[in-house]
Amino acid sequence: MFHVLALLLEILAIIICIHRIYDEKIKPDIETVCLILLSLGVAEFVNYFEYNSMIMTIIYVFVAVYCIHKFHDTLVGALISVLFMLIVISVLQFIIAIPVAILFTESRQLKAVVINMFAVLASWWILPVINLYKLRLIFIRRDTFVNAVFCIILITAFVITVKGKMDGQIDSDTFALATPASIALLILLNKWDTAQEEKEDIKRELFTTKTMQKEYDALLTSVRLREHGFKNHLAALLSIKYTGEFSEEAAKEQEHYYEEIREANKYNRMLFWGNRVVSGYLYQKFQETENAGITVLLELKGHYVESAVPDYYLVEMLGILIDNAVEAQEDLLEEKQLEFQFEEKEHEYCFKILNRNPYVSYAEIESWFLLDNSKKGKGRGLGLYYIKNLCTEYSANLSCRNVENKKKNWIEFSLEIKKAD
């Protein structure tokens, strides 16, 4: 009885830890239930036939398959996540086992139940504070030195854990030495990676600022060139009524003339919108979008100055959303339109990008944010997954929904980012 309960609690701790590593919400779905039942089945099989407990390690294979299926991870990524999970769970169990061994003198199986029960609680309450997913992202960046050190730590933890499973107990001396050493190395790796990322951020910011500055200068030059003709255009509009034949047809011509002037200069207000890097980039994107045969509708409320998200990441995020909105209308038979809305609030900026699209179920919308989930094929569809990770890193929020606009269904992406301190 106790050994089944202890295993069930350990499996629950593993599932919670895996979700923390992927930074995903825990849901009681069919995949999770199957993982629990398979693990319990293997445990009963081993216990009934008194096989070598080494067979129990097949549970980690089930966990790896679970990661691939549920989180759409690669085989290598799933194996890394499982090994990383082993480190976390083993450290939690070892730390909890010390006071449990002192306070409880009952059977070993009862101790295992208590240890795994507290491991579940620690996985639920403490691991979210640690932000495990950031350590996984360090490995994904594929730095050779970092990955080599990370692999050494993972393999060491795996060997110690498997040996403990086979012997039925953990070598306290070995674990007491390996645990603080591994934690110290992980902390140093995190600090080193943070310093490297800051250097890369500075390089990207300089490059983006230089590139986007050119776009803004081009916008400014274009407007200044047009300024010379504005007075002549206005004079022509006002002078039509003095021709002596100001008929209804002449009024229509006057209105048509005015619309042409307004349309040719509708992006000029981007000059007064704020940040020149983002303004210049959006000006270029809107021009490209219109050249692709899509009408761009602008709605700007307030001014954008500076946010908690660096400019080079913001232009990437907005660029991905605009490109997706354009691609979504490639096969649309009716008029193609893209609407860009901006609103400045007290503590944040809100960007909304809308495009015409047939109704999409919310289950499908949720799948858009998963890695490698795209109709464009393997290795494509990384944009929204990338934006989601950036939002997590900079405490931003990205949402998507169906909205009714002008009696048509539109897809709306809303990006909310905090203002800079």
Protein backbone atom coordinates (compact mmCIF):
# COMPACT_ATOMS: atom_id res chain seq x y z
CA MET A 1 0.00 0.00 0.00
CA PHE A 2 2.67 2.49 1.08
CA HIS A 3 5.01 1.71 -1.83
CA VAL A 4 2.20 2.38 -4.37
CA LEU A 5 1.29 5.67 -2.69
CA ALA A 6 4.96 6.69 -2.54
CA LEU A 7 5.39 5.97 -6.27
CA LEU A 8 2.17 7.85 -7.15
CA LEU A 9 3.39 10.90 -5.25
CA GLU A 10 6.81 10.70 -6.92
CA ILE A 11 5.18 10.54 -10.36
CA LEU A 12 3.07 13.58 -9.51
CA ALA A 13 6.23 15.44 -8.42
CA ILE A 14 7.88 14.47 -11.72
CA ILE A 15 4.91 15.69 -13.77
CA ILE A 16 4.77 19.02 -11.92
CA CYS A 17 8.55 19.48 -12.28
CA ILE A 18 8.43 18.75 -16.02
CA HIS A 19 5.73 21.37 -16.49
CA ARG A 20 7.81 23.89 -14.54
CA ILE A 21 10.80 23.16 -16.79
CA TYR A 22 8.70 23.87 -19.91
CA ASP A 23 6.93 26.77 -18.18
CA GLU A 24 3.54 25.28 -19.03
CA LYS A 25 0.33 25.12 -17.03
CA ILE A 26 -0.54 21.75 -15.50
CA LYS A 27 -3.67 20.19 -16.97
CA PRO A 28 -5.23 16.79 -16.06
CA ASP A 29 -5.40 15.59 -19.68
CA ILE A 30 -5.30 12.12 -21.23
CA GLU A 31 -1.51 12.17 -21.73
CA THR A 32 -0.91 12.85 -18.03
CA VAL A 33 -3.33 10.13 -16.91
CA CYS A 34 -1.70 7.61 -19.26
CA LEU A 35 1.77 8.46 -17.92
CA ILE A 36 0.60 7.89 -14.33
CA LEU A 37 -1.12 4.57 -15.17
CA LEU A 38 1.85 3.27 -17.20
CA SER A 39 4.28 4.14 -14.41
CA LEU A 40 2.14 2.46 -11.76
CA GLY A 41 1.72 -0.57 -14.04
CA VAL A 42 5.48 -0.95 -14.48
CA ALA A 43 6.00 -0.61 -10.72
CA GLU A 44 3.44 -3.31 -9.95
CA PHE A 45 4.93 -5.55 -12.64
CA VAL A 46 8.42 -5.22 -11.16
CA ASN A 47 7.15 -5.70 -7.60
CA TYR A 48 4.97 -8.72 -8.42
CA PHE A 49 7.64 -10.66 -10.33
CA GLU A 50 10.43 -9.36 -8.07
CA TYR A 51 12.48 -8.16 -11.01
CA ASN A 52 15.58 -6.01 -10.72
CA SER A 53 14.53 -2.48 -9.74
CA MET A 54 16.70 -1.22 -12.63
CA ILE A 55 13.67 -1.88 -14.83
CA MET A 56 11.94 1.01 -13.04
CA THR A 57 14.10 3.42 -15.04
CA ILE A 58 11.85 2.72 -18.03
CA ILE A 59 9.49 5.22 -16.40
CA TYR A 60 11.90 7.97 -17.48
CA VAL A 61 11.52 6.76 -21.07
CA PHE A 62 7.76 7.25 -20.68
CA VAL A 63 8.42 10.77 -19.36
CA ALA A 64 10.63 11.55 -22.40
CA VAL A 65 7.87 10.36 -24.77
CA TYR A 66 5.40 12.46 -22.76
CA CYS A 67 7.58 15.56 -23.32
CA ILE A 68 7.82 14.92 -27.06
CA HIS A 69 4.08 14.40 -27.48
CA LYS A 70 2.72 17.01 -25.08
CA PHE A 71 5.25 19.83 -25.50
CA HIS A 72 6.24 19.07 -29.14
CA ASP A 73 9.90 18.84 -28.11
CA THR A 74 12.66 17.08 -30.03
CA LEU A 75 14.13 13.77 -28.82
CA VAL A 76 17.32 15.45 -27.63
CA GLY A 77 15.38 18.26 -25.96
CA ALA A 78 13.12 15.75 -24.19
CA LEU A 79 16.08 13.72 -22.91
CA ILE A 80 17.75 16.88 -21.60
CA SER A 81 14.53 17.89 -19.84
CA VAL A 82 14.20 14.45 -18.24
CA LEU A 83 17.79 14.52 -16.98
CA PHE A 84 17.28 18.06 -15.69
CA MET A 85 14.11 16.91 -13.93
CA LEU A 86 16.08 14.08 -12.29
CA ILE A 87 18.50 16.61 -10.79
CA VAL A 88 15.69 18.74 -9.37
CA ILE A 89 13.61 15.86 -7.96
CA SER A 90 16.68 14.10 -6.52
CA VAL A 91 17.87 17.28 -4.80
CA LEU A 92 14.40 17.91 -3.35
CA GLN A 93 14.11 14.33 -2.10
CA PHE A 94 17.57 14.42 -0.52
CA ILE A 95 16.95 17.73 1.26
CA ILE A 96 13.57 16.51 2.56
CA ALA A 97 14.98 13.08 3.55
CA ILE A 98 17.34 14.59 6.14
CA PRO A 99 14.66 15.95 8.56
CA VAL A 100 12.34 13.02 7.77
CA ALA A 101 15.04 10.53 8.84
CA ILE A 102 15.38 12.38 12.13
CA LEU A 103 11.66 12.83 12.87
CA PHE A 104 10.34 9.49 11.63
CA THR A 105 11.60 6.12 12.83
CA GLU A 106 8.88 4.06 11.17
CA SER A 107 9.25 1.85 8.08
CA ARG A 108 11.21 2.92 5.04
CA GLN A 109 8.08 2.84 2.89
CA LEU A 110 6.30 5.32 5.17
CA LYS A 111 9.33 7.60 5.01
CA ALA A 112 9.20 7.39 1.20
CA VAL A 113 5.55 8.49 1.28
CA VAL A 114 6.35 11.50 3.49
CA ILE A 115 9.42 12.47 1.39
CA ASN A 116 7.52 12.32 -1.91
CA MET A 117 4.52 14.13 -0.44
CA PHE A 118 6.74 17.08 0.49
CA ALA A 119 8.47 16.78 -2.90
CA VAL A 120 5.08 17.31 -4.56
CA LEU A 121 4.41 20.36 -2.39
CA ALA A 122 7.88 21.78 -3.09
CA SER A 123 7.45 21.21 -6.84
CA TRP A 124 4.12 23.03 -6.76
CA TRP A 125 5.04 25.98 -4.55
CA ILE A 126 8.82 26.47 -4.69
CA LEU A 127 9.87 25.57 -8.26
CA PRO A 128 7.83 28.40 -9.91
CA VAL A 129 9.90 30.89 -7.92
CA ILE A 130 13.17 29.40 -9.20
CA ASN A 131 12.19 29.78 -12.90
CA LEU A 132 13.55 26.41 -14.06
CA TYR A 133 12.65 27.13 -17.67
CA LYS A 134 15.42 29.74 -17.85
CA LEU A 135 18.07 27.08 -17.16
CA ARG A 136 16.61 25.00 -19.98
CA LEU A 137 16.74 28.02 -22.30
CA ILE A 138 20.46 28.38 -21.48
CA PHE A 139 21.03 24.90 -22.89
CA ILE A 140 18.85 25.53 -25.95
CA ARG A 141 21.10 28.48 -26.93
CA ARG A 142 23.70 25.85 -27.90
CA ASP A 143 26.82 27.37 -26.40
CA THR A 144 29.42 24.58 -26.52
CA PHE A 145 31.09 25.34 -23.19
CA VAL A 146 27.83 25.77 -21.28
CA ASN A 147 26.32 22.63 -22.80
CA ALA A 148 29.40 20.56 -21.94
CA VAL A 149 29.28 21.60 -18.28
CA PHE A 150 25.52 21.16 -18.21
CA CYS A 151 25.79 17.63 -19.64
CA ILE A 152 28.40 16.64 -17.03
CA ILE A 153 26.07 17.76 -14.25
CA LEU A 154 23.10 15.97 -15.81
CA ILE A 155 24.95 12.70 -16.38
CA THR A 156 26.40 12.75 -12.84
CA ALA A 157 22.95 13.27 -11.35
CA PHE A 158 21.52 10.51 -13.55
CA VAL A 159 24.15 7.98 -12.48
CA ILE A 160 23.68 8.79 -8.78
CA THR A 161 19.89 8.60 -9.08
CA VAL A 162 19.86 5.31 -11.02
CA LYS A 163 22.34 3.78 -8.55
CA GLY A 164 20.09 4.88 -5.70
CA LYS A 165 17.07 3.29 -7.39
CA MET A 166 18.96 0.01 -7.84
CA ASP A 167 20.29 -0.09 -4.24
CA GLY A 168 17.03 1.11 -2.73
CA GLN A 169 18.84 3.93 -0.96
CA ILE A 170 20.95 7.01 -1.74
CA ASP A 171 24.62 7.24 -0.84
CA SER A 172 24.37 10.26 1.48
CA ASP A 173 28.11 11.09 1.32
CA THR A 174 28.16 11.16 -2.47
CA PHE A 175 24.91 13.10 -2.71
CA ALA A 176 25.94 15.57 0.00
CA LEU A 177 29.03 16.40 -2.09
CA ALA A 178 27.38 16.33 -5.52
CA THR A 179 24.31 18.41 -4.63
CA PRO A 180 25.98 21.67 -3.53
CA ALA A 181 28.61 21.31 -6.26
CA SER A 182 25.94 20.94 -8.95
CA ILE A 183 23.87 23.82 -7.55
CA ALA A 184 26.95 26.06 -7.43
CA LEU A 185 27.84 25.19 -11.04
CA LEU A 186 24.29 25.90 -12.20
CA ILE A 187 24.29 29.26 -10.44
CA LEU A 188 27.64 30.17 -12.02
CA LEU A 189 26.39 29.07 -15.45
CA ASN A 190 23.29 31.22 -15.01
CA LYS A 191 25.39 34.25 -14.02
CA TRP A 192 27.79 33.70 -16.90
CA ASP A 193 24.96 33.27 -19.40
CA THR A 194 23.26 36.43 -18.10
CA ALA A 195 26.49 38.41 -18.62
CA GLN A 196 26.89 36.99 -22.15
CA GLU A 197 23.27 37.76 -22.98
CA GLU A 198 23.68 41.36 -21.82
CA LYS A 199 26.66 41.75 -24.15
CA GLU A 200 24.67 40.33 -27.05
CA ASP A 201 21.74 42.59 -26.17
CA ILE A 202 23.98 45.66 -26.39
CA LYS A 203 25.32 44.54 -29.80
CA ARG A 204 21.82 43.88 -31.14
CA GLU A 205 20.54 47.19 -29.81
CA LEU A 206 23.33 49.12 -31.52
CA PHE A 207 22.76 47.27 -34.80
CA THR A 208 18.97 47.72 -34.65
CA THR A 209 19.21 51.39 -33.75
CA LYS A 210 21.58 52.03 -36.63
CA THR A 211 19.41 50.09 -39.11
CA MET A 212 16.08 51.54 -37.99
CA GLN A 213 17.52 55.05 -37.89
CA LYS A 214 18.00 54.81 -41.66
CA GLU A 215 14.31 53.93 -42.08
CA TYR A 216 13.27 56.88 -39.94
CA ASP A 217 15.57 59.24 -41.86
CA ALA A 218 14.06 57.97 -45.11
CA LEU A 219 10.58 58.67 -43.74
CA LEU A 220 11.59 62.16 -42.64
CA THR A 221 13.21 62.98 -45.99
CA SER A 222 10.15 61.73 -47.87
CA VAL A 223 7.82 63.95 -45.85
CA ARG A 224 10.03 67.01 -46.24
CA LEU A 225 10.09 66.53 -50.00
CA ARG A 226 6.30 66.41 -50.05
CA GLU A 227 5.98 69.56 -47.92
CA HIS A 228 6.94 71.67 -50.94
CA GLY A 229 3.88 70.44 -52.80
CA PHE A 230 1.38 70.68 -49.94
CA LYS A 231 0.66 74.41 -50.43
CA ASN A 232 0.14 73.93 -54.14
CA HIS A 233 -2.26 71.03 -53.48
CA LEU A 234 -4.23 73.09 -50.97
CA ALA A 235 -4.34 76.05 -53.35
CA ALA A 236 -5.63 73.80 -56.12
CA LEU A 237 -8.39 72.42 -53.88
CA LEU A 238 -9.51 75.88 -52.77
CA SER A 239 -9.35 77.38 -56.27
CA ILE A 240 -11.72 74.90 -57.89
CA LYS A 241 -14.74 76.92 -56.70
CA TYR A 242 -13.41 80.02 -58.49
CA THR A 243 -13.46 78.36 -61.88
CA GLY A 244 -17.02 79.57 -62.36
CA GLU A 245 -18.37 76.10 -62.96
CA PHE A 246 -18.41 74.56 -59.46
CA SER A 247 -20.92 71.82 -60.23
CA GLU A 248 -21.64 68.56 -58.41
CA GLU A 249 -19.12 66.87 -60.69
CA ALA A 250 -16.46 69.43 -59.71
CA ALA A 251 -17.23 68.74 -56.02
CA LYS A 252 -16.68 65.03 -56.60
CA GLU A 253 -13.38 65.77 -58.32
CA GLN A 254 -12.39 67.95 -55.39
CA GLU A 255 -13.22 65.17 -52.91
CA HIS A 256 -11.37 62.60 -55.01
CA TYR A 257 -8.33 64.86 -55.18
CA TYR A 258 -8.41 65.30 -51.40
CA GLU A 259 -8.59 61.52 -50.82
CA GLU A 260 -5.56 60.96 -53.05
CA ILE A 261 -3.53 63.51 -51.07
CA ARG A 262 -4.66 62.02 -47.73
CA GLU A 263 -3.88 58.47 -48.84
CA ALA A 264 -0.40 59.43 -50.07
CA ASN A 265 0.45 60.99 -46.70
CA LYS A 266 -1.43 58.83 -44.20
CA TYR A 267 1.75 57.44 -42.58
CA ASN A 268 3.22 60.89 -41.91
CA ARG A 269 1.76 60.91 -38.42
CA MET A 270 4.24 58.16 -37.53
CA LEU A 271 6.78 60.99 -37.37
CA PHE A 272 5.05 62.39 -34.29
CA TRP A 273 4.23 59.03 -32.72
CA GLY A 274 7.42 58.82 -30.67
CA ASN A 275 10.34 56.37 -30.76
CA ARG A 276 12.09 56.81 -34.11
CA VAL A 277 13.46 53.24 -34.24
CA VAL A 278 10.04 51.59 -33.95
CA SER A 279 8.35 54.34 -36.03
CA GLY A 280 10.80 53.91 -38.90
CA TYR A 281 10.42 50.14 -38.84
CA LEU A 282 6.62 50.21 -38.84
CA TYR A 283 6.58 52.79 -41.63
CA GLN A 284 8.59 50.40 -43.79
CA LYS A 285 6.40 47.38 -42.85
CA PHE A 286 3.20 49.23 -43.67
CA GLN A 287 4.60 50.25 -47.07
CA GLU A 288 5.57 46.62 -47.78
CA THR A 289 2.13 45.44 -46.68
CA GLU A 290 0.35 47.86 -49.00
CA ASN A 291 2.66 46.84 -51.85
CA ALA A 292 1.44 43.27 -51.25
CA GLY A 293 -2.11 44.43 -51.98
CA ILE A 294 -3.32 44.72 -48.38
CA THR A 295 -4.96 47.89 -47.08
CA VAL A 296 -3.50 49.09 -43.78
CA LEU A 297 -5.77 50.85 -41.28
CA LEU A 298 -4.08 52.86 -38.50
CA GLU A 299 -5.43 53.82 -35.10
CA LEU A 300 -2.92 55.53 -32.81
CA LYS A 301 -3.90 56.69 -29.31
CA GLY A 302 -1.00 58.25 -27.44
CA HIS A 303 2.74 58.06 -28.07
CA TYR A 304 5.30 55.29 -27.80
CA VAL A 305 8.55 56.36 -26.12
CA GLU A 306 10.34 53.49 -24.37
CA SER A 307 9.23 50.17 -22.90
CA ALA A 308 10.63 47.37 -20.74
CA VAL A 309 11.17 45.38 -23.97
CA PRO A 310 14.30 46.46 -25.91
CA ASP A 311 13.54 48.07 -29.26
CA TYR A 312 15.23 45.32 -31.28
CA TYR A 313 13.02 42.66 -29.66
CA LEU A 314 9.89 44.81 -30.04
CA VAL A 315 10.41 45.29 -33.78
CA GLU A 316 10.95 41.52 -34.10
CA MET A 317 7.72 40.80 -32.24
CA LEU A 318 5.66 43.32 -34.22
CA GLY A 319 7.28 42.19 -37.48
CA ILE A 320 6.34 38.55 -36.83
CA LEU A 321 2.73 39.48 -36.03
CA ILE A 322 2.42 41.69 -39.13
CA ASP A 323 3.99 39.03 -41.37
CA ASN A 324 1.60 36.40 -39.98
CA ALA A 325 -1.36 38.70 -40.64
CA VAL A 326 -0.19 39.18 -44.24
CA GLU A 327 0.40 35.45 -44.84
CA ALA A 328 -3.02 34.58 -43.36
CA GLN A 329 -4.72 36.56 -46.17
CA GLU A 330 -2.78 35.11 -49.11
CA ASP A 331 -5.73 32.97 -50.23
CA LEU A 332 -8.46 35.41 -49.18
CA LEU A 333 -10.82 36.22 -52.04
CA GLU A 334 -12.45 39.31 -50.52
CA GLU A 335 -10.73 42.63 -49.78
CA LYS A 336 -7.54 42.15 -47.80
CA GLN A 337 -7.12 44.42 -44.81
CA LEU A 338 -4.77 44.73 -41.84
CA GLU A 339 -5.61 46.94 -38.89
CA PHE A 340 -2.91 48.26 -36.55
CA GLN A 341 -4.07 49.74 -33.24
CA PHE A 342 -1.91 51.36 -30.57
CA GLU A 343 -2.98 52.65 -27.17
CA GLU A 344 -0.83 54.25 -24.50
CA LYS A 345 -2.05 53.44 -20.99
CA GLU A 346 -0.82 54.62 -17.60
CA HIS A 347 1.72 51.86 -17.04
CA GLU A 348 1.82 49.97 -20.33
CA TYR A 349 1.55 50.08 -24.10
CA CYS A 350 -0.95 47.97 -26.00
CA PHE A 351 -0.44 46.94 -29.65
CA LYS A 352 -3.23 45.20 -31.57
CA ILE A 353 -2.89 43.68 -35.01
CA LEU A 354 -6.03 42.43 -36.72
CA ASN A 355 -6.60 40.67 -40.03
CA ARG A 356 -9.58 39.15 -41.78
CA ASN A 357 -9.79 35.41 -41.23
CA PRO A 358 -12.48 32.71 -41.01
CA TYR A 359 -13.41 31.69 -37.46
CA VAL A 360 -10.71 29.61 -35.74
CA SER A 361 -11.36 27.39 -32.71
CA TYR A 362 -9.54 28.34 -29.54
CA ALA A 363 -7.92 24.90 -29.40
CA GLU A 364 -6.30 25.64 -32.77
CA ILE A 365 -5.29 29.14 -31.65
CA GLU A 366 -3.58 27.62 -28.61
CA SER A 367 -1.66 25.22 -30.86
CA TRP A 368 -0.22 28.16 -32.85
CA PHE A 369 2.01 29.00 -29.89
CA LEU A 370 3.60 25.54 -29.73
CA LEU A 371 7.05 24.79 -31.10
CA ASP A 372 7.14 23.45 -34.67
CA ASN A 373 3.36 23.64 -35.07
CA SER A 374 2.79 25.16 -38.50
CA LYS A 375 1.11 24.38 -41.80
CA LYS A 376 4.32 25.64 -43.44
CA GLY A 377 6.17 22.43 -42.57
CA LYS A 378 8.84 21.12 -40.21
CA GLY A 379 11.14 23.75 -38.80
CA ARG A 380 8.64 26.55 -39.54
CA GLY A 381 6.10 28.29 -37.37
CA LEU A 382 8.60 29.36 -34.74
CA GLY A 383 7.44 33.01 -34.62
CA LEU A 384 4.67 32.87 -32.03
CA TYR A 385 6.65 30.42 -29.89
CA TYR A 386 9.55 32.87 -29.98
CA ILE A 387 7.31 35.81 -29.03
CA LYS A 388 5.81 33.78 -26.18
CA ASN A 389 9.30 33.18 -24.75
CA LEU A 390 10.15 36.88 -25.06
CA CYS A 391 6.91 37.79 -23.29
CA THR A 392 7.81 35.45 -20.44
CA GLU A 393 11.28 36.97 -20.18
CA TYR A 394 10.09 40.61 -20.17
CA SER A 395 6.78 40.15 -18.29
CA ALA A 396 4.74 41.05 -21.37
CA ASN A 397 1.43 39.53 -22.43
CA LEU A 398 0.40 38.18 -25.84
CA SER A 399 -3.16 37.03 -26.49
CA CYS A 400 -5.16 36.00 -29.55
CA ARG A 401 -8.89 35.80 -30.17
CA ASN A 402 -11.67 35.95 -32.76
CA VAL A 403 -13.44 39.32 -32.95
CA GLU A 404 -16.33 40.60 -35.04
CA ASN A 405 -15.27 43.67 -36.96
CA LYS A 406 -17.41 45.29 -39.65
CA LYS A 407 -19.71 42.23 -39.64
CA LYS A 408 -16.75 40.00 -40.53
CA ASN A 409 -14.63 37.66 -38.42
CA TRP A 410 -11.13 38.92 -37.71
CA ILE A 411 -8.19 37.45 -35.81
CA GLU A 412 -6.83 39.86 -33.19
CA PHE A 413 -3.36 39.60 -31.66
CA SER A 414 -2.90 41.83 -28.62
CA LEU A 415 0.58 42.58 -27.27
CA GLU A 416 0.81 44.37 -23.93
CA ILE A 417 4.20 45.55 -22.67
CA LYS A 418 5.17 47.57 -19.63
CA LYS A 419 6.56 51.08 -19.89
CA ALA A 420 10.21 51.56 -19.04
CA ASP A 421 10.98 52.52 -15.44
